[in-house]
All heavy atoms as atom14 arrays in JSON, in Angstrom:
{
  "sequence": "VWGSSVSSWDAVATEPIAAPPFTRNFFTHDHAQERDPLRGRYFADCD",
  "atom14_mask": [
    [1, 1, 1, 1, 1, 1, 1, 0, 0, 0, 0, 0, 0, 0],
    [1, 1, 1, 1, 1, 1, 1, 1, 1, 1, 1, 1, 1, 1],
    [1, 1, 1, 1, 0, 0, 0, 0, 0, 0, 0, 0, 0, 0],
    [1, 1, 1, 1, 1, 1, 0, 0, 0, 0, 0, 0, 0, 0],
    [1, 1, 1, 1, 1, 1, 0, 0, 0, 0, 0, 0, 0, 0],
    [1, 1, 1, 1, 1, 1, 1, 0, 0, 0, 0, 0, 0, 0],
    [1, 1, 1, 1, 1, 1, 0, 0, 0, 0, 0, 0, 0, 0],
    [1, 1, 1, 1, 1, 1, 0, 0, 0, 0, 0, 0, 0, 0],
    [1, 1, 1, 1, 1, 1, 1, 1, 1, 1, 1, 1, 1, 1],
    [1, 1, 1, 1, 1, 1, 1, 1, 0, 0, 0, 0, 0, 0],
    [1, 1, 1, 1, 1, 0, 0, 0, 0, 0, 0, 0, 0, 0],
    [1, 1, 1, 1, 1, 1, 1, 0, 0, 0, 0, 0, 0, 0],
    [1, 1, 1, 1, 1, 0, 0, 0, 0, 0, 0, 0, 0, 0],
    [1, 1, 1, 1, 1, 1, 1, 0, 0, 0, 0, 0, 0, 0],
    [1, 1, 1, 1, 1, 1, 1, 1, 1, 0, 0, 0, 0, 0],
    [1, 1, 1, 1, 1, 1, 1, 0, 0, 0, 0, 0, 0, 0],
    [1, 1, 1, 1, 1, 1, 1, 1, 0, 0, 0, 0, 0, 0],
    [1, 1, 1, 1, 1, 0, 0, 0, 0, 0, 0, 0, 0, 0],
    [1, 1, 1, 1, 1, 0, 0, 0, 0, 0, 0, 0, 0, 0],
    [1, 1, 1, 1, 1, 1, 1, 0, 0, 0, 0, 0, 0, 0],
    [1, 1, 1, 1, 1, 1, 1, 0, 0, 0, 0, 0, 0, 0],
    [1, 1, 1, 1, 1, 1, 1, 1, 1, 1, 1, 0, 0, 0],
    [1, 1, 1, 1, 1, 1, 1, 0, 0, 0, 0, 0, 0, 0],
    [1, 1, 1, 1, 1, 1, 1, 1, 1, 1, 1, 0, 0, 0],
    [1, 1, 1, 1, 1, 1, 1, 1, 0, 0, 0, 0, 0, 0],
    [1, 1, 1, 1, 1, 1, 1, 1, 1, 1, 1, 0, 0, 0],
    [1, 1, 1, 1, 1, 1, 1, 1, 1, 1, 1, 0, 0, 0],
    [1, 1, 1, 1, 1, 1, 1, 0, 0, 0, 0, 0, 0, 0],
    [1, 1, 1, 1, 1, 1, 1, 1, 1, 1, 0, 0, 0, 0],
    [1, 1, 1, 1, 1, 1, 1, 1, 0, 0, 0, 0, 0, 0],
    [1, 1, 1, 1, 1, 1, 1, 1, 1, 1, 0, 0, 0, 0],
    [1, 1, 1, 1, 1, 0, 0, 0, 0, 0, 0, 0, 0, 0],
    [1, 1, 1, 1, 1, 1, 1, 1, 1, 0, 0, 0, 0, 0],
    [1, 1, 1, 1, 1, 1, 1, 1, 1, 0, 0, 0, 0, 0],
    [1, 1, 1, 1, 1, 1, 1, 1, 1, 1, 1, 0, 0, 0],
    [1, 1, 1, 1, 1, 1, 1, 1, 0, 0, 0, 0, 0, 0],
    [1, 1, 1, 1, 1, 1, 1, 0, 0, 0, 0, 0, 0, 0],
    [1, 1, 1, 1, 1, 1, 1, 1, 0, 0, 0, 0, 0, 0],
    [1, 1, 1, 1, 1, 1, 1, 1, 1, 1, 1, 0, 0, 0],
    [1, 1, 1, 1, 0, 0, 0, 0, 0, 0, 0, 0, 0, 0],
    [1, 1, 1, 1, 1, 1, 1, 1, 1, 1, 1, 0, 0, 0],
    [1, 1, 1, 1, 1, 1, 1, 1, 1, 1, 1, 1, 0, 0],
    [1, 1, 1, 1, 1, 1, 1, 1, 1, 1, 1, 0, 0, 0],
    [1, 1, 1, 1, 1, 0, 0, 0, 0, 0, 0, 0, 0, 0],
    [1, 1, 1, 1, 1, 1, 1, 1, 0, 0, 0, 0, 0, 0],
    [1, 1, 1, 1, 1, 1, 0, 0, 0, 0, 0, 0, 0, 0],
    [1, 1, 1, 1, 1, 1, 1, 1, 0, 0, 0, 0, 0, 0]
  ],
  "atom14_positions": [
    [[18.38, 67.79, 252.27], [18.12, 66.84, 251.19], [17.29, 65.66, 251.67], [16.35, 65.23, 251.0], [19.45, 66.35, 250.57], [19.2, 65.23, 249.56], [20.18, 67.51, 249.91], [0.0, 0.0, 0.0], [0.0, 0.0, 0.0], [0.0, 0.0, 0.0], [0.0, 0.0, 0.0], [0.0, 0.0, 0.0], [0.0, 0.0, 0.0], [0.0, 0.0, 0.0]],
    [[17.62, 65.15, 252.84], [17.0, 63.92, 253.33], [15.72, 64.17, 254.13], [15.07, 63.2, 254.57], [18.02, 63.16, 254.18], [18.97, 62.37, 253.33], [19.95, 62.86, 252.52], [19.01, 60.95, 253.2], [20.61, 61.83, 251.88], [20.05, 60.64, 252.29], [18.29, 59.9, 253.76], [20.37, 59.34, 251.93], [18.61, 58.59, 253.41], [19.63, 58.32, 252.5]],
    [[15.34, 65.42, 254.33], [14.12, 65.72, 255.06], [14.17, 65.25, 256.5], [13.16, 64.85, 257.08], [0.0, 0.0, 0.0], [0.0, 0.0, 0.0], [0.0, 0.0, 0.0], [0.0, 0.0, 0.0], [0.0, 0.0, 0.0], [0.0, 0.0, 0.0], [0.0, 0.0, 0.0], [0.0, 0.0, 0.0], [0.0, 0.0, 0.0], [0.0, 0.0, 0.0]],
    [[15.36, 65.29, 257.08], [15.54, 64.8, 258.46], [15.91, 65.95, 259.38], [16.09, 67.09, 258.94], [16.62, 63.71, 258.5], [17.86, 64.24, 258.05], [0.0, 0.0, 0.0], [0.0, 0.0, 0.0], [0.0, 0.0, 0.0], [0.0, 0.0, 0.0], [0.0, 0.0, 0.0], [0.0, 0.0, 0.0], [0.0, 0.0, 0.0], [0.0, 0.0, 0.0]],
    [[16.04, 65.64, 260.65], [16.38, 66.68, 261.64], [17.41, 66.17, 262.64], [17.37, 66.54, 263.81], [15.12, 67.13, 262.38], [14.48, 66.01, 263.0], [0.0, 0.0, 0.0], [0.0, 0.0, 0.0], [0.0, 0.0, 0.0], [0.0, 0.0, 0.0], [0.0, 0.0, 0.0], [0.0, 0.0, 0.0], [0.0, 0.0, 0.0], [0.0, 0.0, 0.0]],
    [[18.32, 65.32, 262.17], [19.35, 64.79, 263.07], [20.31, 65.91, 263.45], [20.52, 66.87, 262.7], [20.11, 63.62, 262.42], [19.2, 62.42, 262.27], [20.69, 64.03, 261.08], [0.0, 0.0, 0.0], [0.0, 0.0, 0.0], [0.0, 0.0, 0.0], [0.0, 0.0, 0.0], [0.0, 0.0, 0.0], [0.0, 0.0, 0.0], [0.0, 0.0, 0.0]],
    [[20.9, 65.77, 264.63], [21.72, 66.86, 265.17], [23.19, 66.76, 264.81], [23.92, 67.75, 264.93], [21.57, 66.9, 266.69], [21.97, 65.65, 267.26], [0.0, 0.0, 0.0], [0.0, 0.0, 0.0], [0.0, 0.0, 0.0], [0.0, 0.0, 0.0], [0.0, 0.0, 0.0], [0.0, 0.0, 0.0], [0.0, 0.0, 0.0], [0.0, 0.0, 0.0]],
    [[23.65, 65.56, 264.41], [25.07, 65.39, 264.16], [25.29, 64.12, 263.31], [24.38, 63.31, 263.13], [25.84, 65.24, 265.48], [25.45, 64.02, 266.12], [0.0, 0.0, 0.0], [0.0, 0.0, 0.0], [0.0, 0.0, 0.0], [0.0, 0.0, 0.0], [0.0, 0.0, 0.0], [0.0, 0.0, 0.0], [0.0, 0.0, 0.0], [0.0, 0.0, 0.0]],
    [[26.51, 63.98, 262.81], [26.84, 62.76, 262.06], [26.84, 61.54, 262.98], [26.52, 60.43, 262.54], [28.19, 62.9, 261.37], [28.15, 63.88, 260.23], [28.77, 65.08, 260.16], [27.42, 63.73, 259.02], [28.48, 65.71, 258.98], [27.66, 64.89, 258.26], [26.59, 62.75, 258.5], [27.09, 65.09, 256.99], [26.02, 62.93, 257.25], [26.27, 64.09, 256.5]],
    [[27.14, 61.74, 264.24], [27.05, 60.62, 265.18], [25.61, 60.13, 265.28], [25.35, 58.93, 265.42], [27.54, 61.05, 266.57], [29.05, 61.21, 266.61], [29.73, 60.65, 265.72], [29.55, 61.88, 267.54], [0.0, 0.0, 0.0], [0.0, 0.0, 0.0], [0.0, 0.0, 0.0], [0.0, 0.0, 0.0], [0.0, 0.0, 0.0], [0.0, 0.0, 0.0]],
    [[24.67, 61.06, 265.18], [23.27, 60.67, 265.22], [22.87, 59.9, 263.97], [22.08, 58.95, 264.03], [22.38, 61.91, 265.37], [0.0, 0.0, 0.0], [0.0, 0.0, 0.0], [0.0, 0.0, 0.0], [0.0, 0.0, 0.0], [0.0, 0.0, 0.0], [0.0, 0.0, 0.0], [0.0, 0.0, 0.0], [0.0, 0.0, 0.0], [0.0, 0.0, 0.0]],
    [[23.42, 60.29, 262.83], [23.16, 59.54, 261.59], [23.66, 58.1, 261.74], [23.05, 57.16, 261.23], [23.82, 60.22, 260.38], [23.61, 59.4, 259.11], [23.3, 61.63, 260.19], [0.0, 0.0, 0.0], [0.0, 0.0, 0.0], [0.0, 0.0, 0.0], [0.0, 0.0, 0.0], [0.0, 0.0, 0.0], [0.0, 0.0, 0.0], [0.0, 0.0, 0.0]],
    [[24.75, 57.94, 262.46], [25.34, 56.62, 262.63], [24.58, 55.74, 263.61], [24.73, 54.51, 263.57], [26.79, 56.76, 263.09], [0.0, 0.0, 0.0], [0.0, 0.0, 0.0], [0.0, 0.0, 0.0], [0.0, 0.0, 0.0], [0.0, 0.0, 0.0], [0.0, 0.0, 0.0], [0.0, 0.0, 0.0], [0.0, 0.0, 0.0], [0.0, 0.0, 0.0]],
    [[23.75, 56.36, 264.45], [23.14, 55.57, 265.53], [21.62, 55.63, 265.59], [20.99, 54.71, 266.08], [23.7, 56.04, 266.9], [23.45, 57.45, 267.05], [25.19, 55.77, 267.0], [0.0, 0.0, 0.0], [0.0, 0.0, 0.0], [0.0, 0.0, 0.0], [0.0, 0.0, 0.0], [0.0, 0.0, 0.0], [0.0, 0.0, 0.0], [0.0, 0.0, 0.0]],
    [[21.02, 56.72, 265.1], [19.58, 56.88, 265.23], [18.87, 56.48, 263.94], [19.42, 56.65, 262.85], [19.25, 58.34, 265.55], [19.83, 58.83, 266.87], [19.57, 60.31, 267.11], [18.8, 60.9, 266.3], [20.13, 60.85, 268.07], [0.0, 0.0, 0.0], [0.0, 0.0, 0.0], [0.0, 0.0, 0.0], [0.0, 0.0, 0.0], [0.0, 0.0, 0.0]],
    [[17.66, 55.95, 264.05], [16.89, 55.64, 262.84], [16.61, 56.92, 262.04], [16.2, 57.94, 262.6], [15.59, 55.03, 263.38], [15.92, 54.59, 264.76], [16.95, 55.55, 265.28], [0.0, 0.0, 0.0], [0.0, 0.0, 0.0], [0.0, 0.0, 0.0], [0.0, 0.0, 0.0], [0.0, 0.0, 0.0], [0.0, 0.0, 0.0], [0.0, 0.0, 0.0]],
    [[16.88, 56.85, 260.75], [16.62, 57.99, 259.88], [15.16, 57.94, 259.42], [14.6, 56.87, 259.2], [17.58, 57.97, 258.67], [19.03, 58.03, 259.16], [17.3, 59.12, 257.71], [19.37, 59.26, 259.98], [0.0, 0.0, 0.0], [0.0, 0.0, 0.0], [0.0, 0.0, 0.0], [0.0, 0.0, 0.0], [0.0, 0.0, 0.0], [0.0, 0.0, 0.0]],
    [[14.56, 59.11, 259.28], [13.16, 59.18, 258.9], [12.91, 58.47, 257.57], [13.85, 58.15, 256.82], [12.74, 60.64, 258.79], [0.0, 0.0, 0.0], [0.0, 0.0, 0.0], [0.0, 0.0, 0.0], [0.0, 0.0, 0.0], [0.0, 0.0, 0.0], [0.0, 0.0, 0.0], [0.0, 0.0, 0.0], [0.0, 0.0, 0.0], [0.0, 0.0, 0.0]],
    [[11.65, 58.23, 257.27], [11.27, 57.56, 256.02], [11.9, 58.29, 254.84], [12.08, 59.51, 254.87], [9.76, 57.54, 255.9], [0.0, 0.0, 0.0], [0.0, 0.0, 0.0], [0.0, 0.0, 0.0], [0.0, 0.0, 0.0], [0.0, 0.0, 0.0], [0.0, 0.0, 0.0], [0.0, 0.0, 0.0], [0.0, 0.0, 0.0], [0.0, 0.0, 0.0]],
    [[12.23, 57.58, 253.78], [12.87, 58.22, 252.61], [12.04, 59.4, 252.11], [10.81, 59.32, 252.01], [12.89, 57.09, 251.57], [12.86, 55.83, 252.37], [12.04, 56.14, 253.58], [0.0, 0.0, 0.0], [0.0, 0.0, 0.0], [0.0, 0.0, 0.0], [0.0, 0.0, 0.0], [0.0, 0.0, 0.0], [0.0, 0.0, 0.0], [0.0, 0.0, 0.0]],
    [[12.69, 60.52, 251.82], [11.95, 61.71, 251.39], [11.4, 61.59, 249.97], [10.47, 62.3, 249.6], [12.99, 62.82, 251.48], [14.31, 62.12, 251.27], [14.14, 60.78, 251.93], [0.0, 0.0, 0.0], [0.0, 0.0, 0.0], [0.0, 0.0, 0.0], [0.0, 0.0, 0.0], [0.0, 0.0, 0.0], [0.0, 0.0, 0.0], [0.0, 0.0, 0.0]],
    [[11.98, 60.69, 249.17], [11.56, 60.54, 247.78], [11.53, 59.05, 247.42], [12.22, 58.24, 248.04], [12.53, 61.25, 246.83], [12.8, 62.68, 247.17], [14.0, 63.06, 247.75], [11.85, 63.66, 246.9], [14.26, 64.4, 248.06], [12.09, 64.99, 247.22], [13.29, 65.36, 247.8], [0.0, 0.0, 0.0], [0.0, 0.0, 0.0], [0.0, 0.0, 0.0]],
    [[10.75, 58.72, 246.42], [10.77, 57.37, 245.85], [10.82, 57.51, 244.33], [10.44, 58.55, 243.76], [9.52, 56.56, 246.24], [8.35, 57.24, 245.78], [9.45, 56.35, 247.74], [0.0, 0.0, 0.0], [0.0, 0.0, 0.0], [0.0, 0.0, 0.0], [0.0, 0.0, 0.0], [0.0, 0.0, 0.0], [0.0, 0.0, 0.0], [0.0, 0.0, 0.0]],
    [[11.3, 56.46, 243.69], [11.3, 56.45, 242.22], [10.72, 55.12, 241.75], [10.91, 54.09, 242.38], [12.7, 56.68, 241.65], [13.78, 55.81, 242.21], [15.14, 56.19, 241.63], [16.23, 55.54, 242.37], [17.52, 55.72, 242.08], [17.89, 56.52, 241.09], [18.46, 55.1, 242.8], [0.0, 0.0, 0.0], [0.0, 0.0, 0.0], [0.0, 0.0, 0.0]],
    [[10.06, 55.18, 240.64], [9.35, 54.02, 240.12], [10.2, 53.29, 239.11], [10.74, 53.89, 238.18], [8.02, 54.46, 239.5], [7.1, 53.29, 239.21], [7.41, 52.46, 238.37], [5.98, 53.23, 239.92], [0.0, 0.0, 0.0], [0.0, 0.0, 0.0], [0.0, 0.0, 0.0], [0.0, 0.0, 0.0], [0.0, 0.0, 0.0], [0.0, 0.0, 0.0]],
    [[10.3, 51.97, 239.28], [11.1, 51.14, 238.39], [10.54, 51.14, 236.96], [11.28, 51.02, 236.0], [11.13, 49.71, 238.94], [11.7, 48.69, 238.02], [13.05, 48.66, 237.75], [10.9, 47.71, 237.44], [13.61, 47.7, 236.92], [11.43, 46.75, 236.61], [12.78, 46.74, 236.35], [0.0, 0.0, 0.0], [0.0, 0.0, 0.0], [0.0, 0.0, 0.0]],
    [[9.25, 51.28, 236.81], [8.6, 51.07, 235.52], [8.51, 52.33, 234.67], [8.23, 52.26, 233.47], [7.19, 50.5, 235.72], [7.19, 49.16, 236.39], [6.92, 49.04, 237.75], [7.49, 48.01, 235.68], [6.93, 47.8, 238.37], [7.51, 46.77, 236.3], [7.23, 46.67, 237.64], [0.0, 0.0, 0.0], [0.0, 0.0, 0.0], [0.0, 0.0, 0.0]],
    [[8.73, 53.5, 235.25], [8.62, 54.73, 234.49], [9.83, 55.61, 234.76], [10.4, 55.6, 235.85], [7.35, 55.51, 234.87], [7.41, 55.86, 236.26], [6.11, 54.69, 234.59], [0.0, 0.0, 0.0], [0.0, 0.0, 0.0], [0.0, 0.0, 0.0], [0.0, 0.0, 0.0], [0.0, 0.0, 0.0], [0.0, 0.0, 0.0], [0.0, 0.0, 0.0]],
    [[10.22, 56.38, 233.76], [11.29, 57.37, 233.96], [10.69, 58.57, 234.67], [9.73, 59.18, 234.2], [11.91, 57.79, 232.63], [13.03, 58.76, 232.81], [14.27, 58.38, 233.27], [13.09, 60.09, 232.61], [15.06, 59.44, 233.34], [14.37, 60.5, 232.94], [0.0, 0.0, 0.0], [0.0, 0.0, 0.0], [0.0, 0.0, 0.0], [0.0, 0.0, 0.0]],
    [[11.26, 58.94, 235.8], [10.71, 59.99, 236.65], [11.4, 61.32, 236.34], [12.51, 61.58, 236.81], [10.9, 59.61, 238.12], [10.11, 60.51, 239.05], [9.6, 61.54, 238.56], [10.0, 60.17, 240.24], [0.0, 0.0, 0.0], [0.0, 0.0, 0.0], [0.0, 0.0, 0.0], [0.0, 0.0, 0.0], [0.0, 0.0, 0.0], [0.0, 0.0, 0.0]],
    [[10.75, 62.15, 235.54], [11.38, 63.42, 235.17], [11.44, 64.39, 236.33], [12.16, 65.4, 236.27], [10.6, 64.05, 234.0], [10.69, 63.26, 232.75], [11.81, 63.26, 231.94], [9.81, 62.41, 232.16], [11.63, 62.47, 230.91], [10.42, 61.92, 231.01], [0.0, 0.0, 0.0], [0.0, 0.0, 0.0], [0.0, 0.0, 0.0], [0.0, 0.0, 0.0]],
    [[10.7, 64.1, 237.41], [10.78, 64.99, 238.58], [12.19, 65.02, 239.16], [12.59, 66.0, 239.78], [9.79, 64.53, 239.65], [0.0, 0.0, 0.0], [0.0, 0.0, 0.0], [0.0, 0.0, 0.0], [0.0, 0.0, 0.0], [0.0, 0.0, 0.0], [0.0, 0.0, 0.0], [0.0, 0.0, 0.0], [0.0, 0.0, 0.0], [0.0, 0.0, 0.0]],
    [[12.95, 63.94, 238.93], [14.32, 63.91, 239.44], [15.16, 65.0, 238.79], [16.01, 65.62, 239.44], [14.95, 62.54, 239.19], [16.34, 62.4, 239.79], [16.81, 60.97, 239.77], [16.02, 60.04, 239.71], [18.11, 60.78, 239.8], [0.0, 0.0, 0.0], [0.0, 0.0, 0.0], [0.0, 0.0, 0.0], [0.0, 0.0, 0.0], [0.0, 0.0, 0.0]],
    [[14.92, 65.26, 237.51], [15.67, 66.31, 236.84], [15.21, 67.7, 237.28], [15.98, 68.65, 237.34], [15.54, 66.18, 235.33], [16.36, 65.04, 234.72], [15.65, 63.7, 234.83], [14.42, 63.68, 235.08], [16.32, 62.67, 234.68], [0.0, 0.0, 0.0], [0.0, 0.0, 0.0], [0.0, 0.0, 0.0], [0.0, 0.0, 0.0], [0.0, 0.0, 0.0]],
    [[13.92, 67.82, 237.57], [13.37, 69.13, 237.93], [13.68, 69.53, 239.37], [13.75, 70.71, 239.68], [11.84, 69.13, 237.74], [11.39, 68.95, 236.3], [9.92, 69.28, 236.15], [9.08, 68.42, 236.97], [8.54, 67.28, 236.55], [8.8, 66.85, 235.32], [7.77, 66.56, 237.35], [0.0, 0.0, 0.0], [0.0, 0.0, 0.0], [0.0, 0.0, 0.0]],
    [[13.86, 68.58, 240.25], [14.05, 68.86, 241.67], [15.48, 68.51, 242.06], [15.83, 67.34, 242.15], [13.06, 68.03, 242.48], [13.11, 68.37, 243.96], [14.11, 68.95, 244.42], [12.14, 68.03, 244.68], [0.0, 0.0, 0.0], [0.0, 0.0, 0.0], [0.0, 0.0, 0.0], [0.0, 0.0, 0.0], [0.0, 0.0, 0.0], [0.0, 0.0, 0.0]],
    [[16.33, 69.52, 242.32], [17.73, 69.23, 242.65], [17.89, 68.41, 243.93], [18.83, 67.62, 244.05], [18.38, 70.61, 242.77], [17.24, 71.55, 242.99], [16.08, 70.98, 242.27], [0.0, 0.0, 0.0], [0.0, 0.0, 0.0], [0.0, 0.0, 0.0], [0.0, 0.0, 0.0], [0.0, 0.0, 0.0], [0.0, 0.0, 0.0], [0.0, 0.0, 0.0]],
    [[17.0, 68.62, 244.92], [17.1, 67.84, 246.16], [16.82, 66.36, 245.86], [17.52, 65.48, 246.38], [16.12, 68.37, 247.21], [16.36, 69.79, 247.72], [15.32, 70.14, 248.78], [17.76, 69.92, 248.29], [0.0, 0.0, 0.0], [0.0, 0.0, 0.0], [0.0, 0.0, 0.0], [0.0, 0.0, 0.0], [0.0, 0.0, 0.0], [0.0, 0.0, 0.0]],
    [[15.83, 66.12, 245.06], [15.49, 64.75, 244.68], [16.65, 64.1, 243.93], [17.03, 62.97, 244.21], [14.22, 64.78, 243.83], [13.68, 63.42, 243.42], [12.46, 63.62, 242.51], [11.89, 62.34, 242.14], [10.94, 61.72, 242.81], [10.47, 62.27, 243.92], [10.47, 60.56, 242.41], [0.0, 0.0, 0.0], [0.0, 0.0, 0.0], [0.0, 0.0, 0.0]],
    [[17.21, 64.84, 242.99], [18.34, 64.3, 242.24], [19.52, 63.99, 243.13], [20.21, 62.98, 242.94], [0.0, 0.0, 0.0], [0.0, 0.0, 0.0], [0.0, 0.0, 0.0], [0.0, 0.0, 0.0], [0.0, 0.0, 0.0], [0.0, 0.0, 0.0], [0.0, 0.0, 0.0], [0.0, 0.0, 0.0], [0.0, 0.0, 0.0], [0.0, 0.0, 0.0]],
    [[19.78, 64.87, 244.11], [20.92, 64.64, 245.0], [20.68, 63.43, 245.9], [21.6, 62.66, 246.18], [21.17, 65.89, 245.84], [22.51, 65.88, 246.53], [22.86, 67.23, 247.1], [24.16, 67.2, 247.77], [24.68, 68.21, 248.44], [23.99, 69.36, 248.54], [25.85, 68.11, 249.03], [0.0, 0.0, 0.0], [0.0, 0.0, 0.0], [0.0, 0.0, 0.0]],
    [[19.43, 63.28, 246.35], [19.11, 62.13, 247.2], [19.37, 60.82, 246.44], [20.01, 59.89, 246.97], [17.66, 62.21, 247.65], [17.15, 60.93, 248.3], [17.51, 60.61, 249.6], [16.34, 60.05, 247.6], [17.07, 59.44, 250.2], [15.89, 58.88, 248.19], [16.25, 58.57, 249.48], [15.82, 57.41, 250.07], [0.0, 0.0, 0.0], [0.0, 0.0, 0.0]],
    [[18.89, 60.71, 245.22], [19.07, 59.46, 244.49], [20.52, 59.26, 244.07], [20.98, 58.13, 243.93], [18.13, 59.42, 243.29], [16.7, 59.18, 243.69], [15.71, 60.09, 243.35], [16.36, 58.06, 244.43], [14.4, 59.87, 243.74], [15.05, 57.84, 244.83], [14.06, 58.75, 244.48], [0.0, 0.0, 0.0], [0.0, 0.0, 0.0], [0.0, 0.0, 0.0]],
    [[21.27, 60.36, 243.9], [22.71, 60.22, 243.65], [23.41, 59.6, 244.86], [24.33, 58.79, 244.72], [23.32, 61.58, 243.31], [0.0, 0.0, 0.0], [0.0, 0.0, 0.0], [0.0, 0.0, 0.0], [0.0, 0.0, 0.0], [0.0, 0.0, 0.0], [0.0, 0.0, 0.0], [0.0, 0.0, 0.0], [0.0, 0.0, 0.0], [0.0, 0.0, 0.0]],
    [[22.96, 59.99, 246.06], [23.49, 59.35, 247.28], [23.21, 57.85, 247.26], [24.08, 57.02, 247.56], [22.84, 59.95, 248.53], [23.21, 61.4, 248.77], [24.2, 61.87, 248.2], [22.47, 62.06, 249.53], [0.0, 0.0, 0.0], [0.0, 0.0, 0.0], [0.0, 0.0, 0.0], [0.0, 0.0, 0.0], [0.0, 0.0, 0.0], [0.0, 0.0, 0.0]],
    [[21.96, 57.51, 246.94], [21.57, 56.09, 246.93], [22.38, 55.3, 245.93], [22.85, 54.18, 246.21], [20.07, 55.97, 246.61], [18.98, 56.64, 247.88], [0.0, 0.0, 0.0], [0.0, 0.0, 0.0], [0.0, 0.0, 0.0], [0.0, 0.0, 0.0], [0.0, 0.0, 0.0], [0.0, 0.0, 0.0], [0.0, 0.0, 0.0], [0.0, 0.0, 0.0]],
    [[22.59, 55.87, 244.75], [23.34, 55.16, 243.7], [24.81, 55.02, 244.08], [25.44, 53.99, 243.79], [23.19, 55.89, 242.37], [21.78, 55.83, 241.83], [20.98, 55.02, 242.33], [21.47, 56.59, 240.88], [0.0, 0.0, 0.0], [0.0, 0.0, 0.0], [0.0, 0.0, 0.0], [0.0, 0.0, 0.0], [0.0, 0.0, 0.0], [0.0, 0.0, 0.0]]
  ]
}
């Protein structure tokens, strides 16, 4: 989902995570979120 390659949860806790795999625009409703389950799951994590 996150487009990363970390080896463990300990690595998530300590290593810099790669740039966000997705972005969403404040000014427009992004229907790609509904079409792409990975994108939807990523933003659900953020929320």
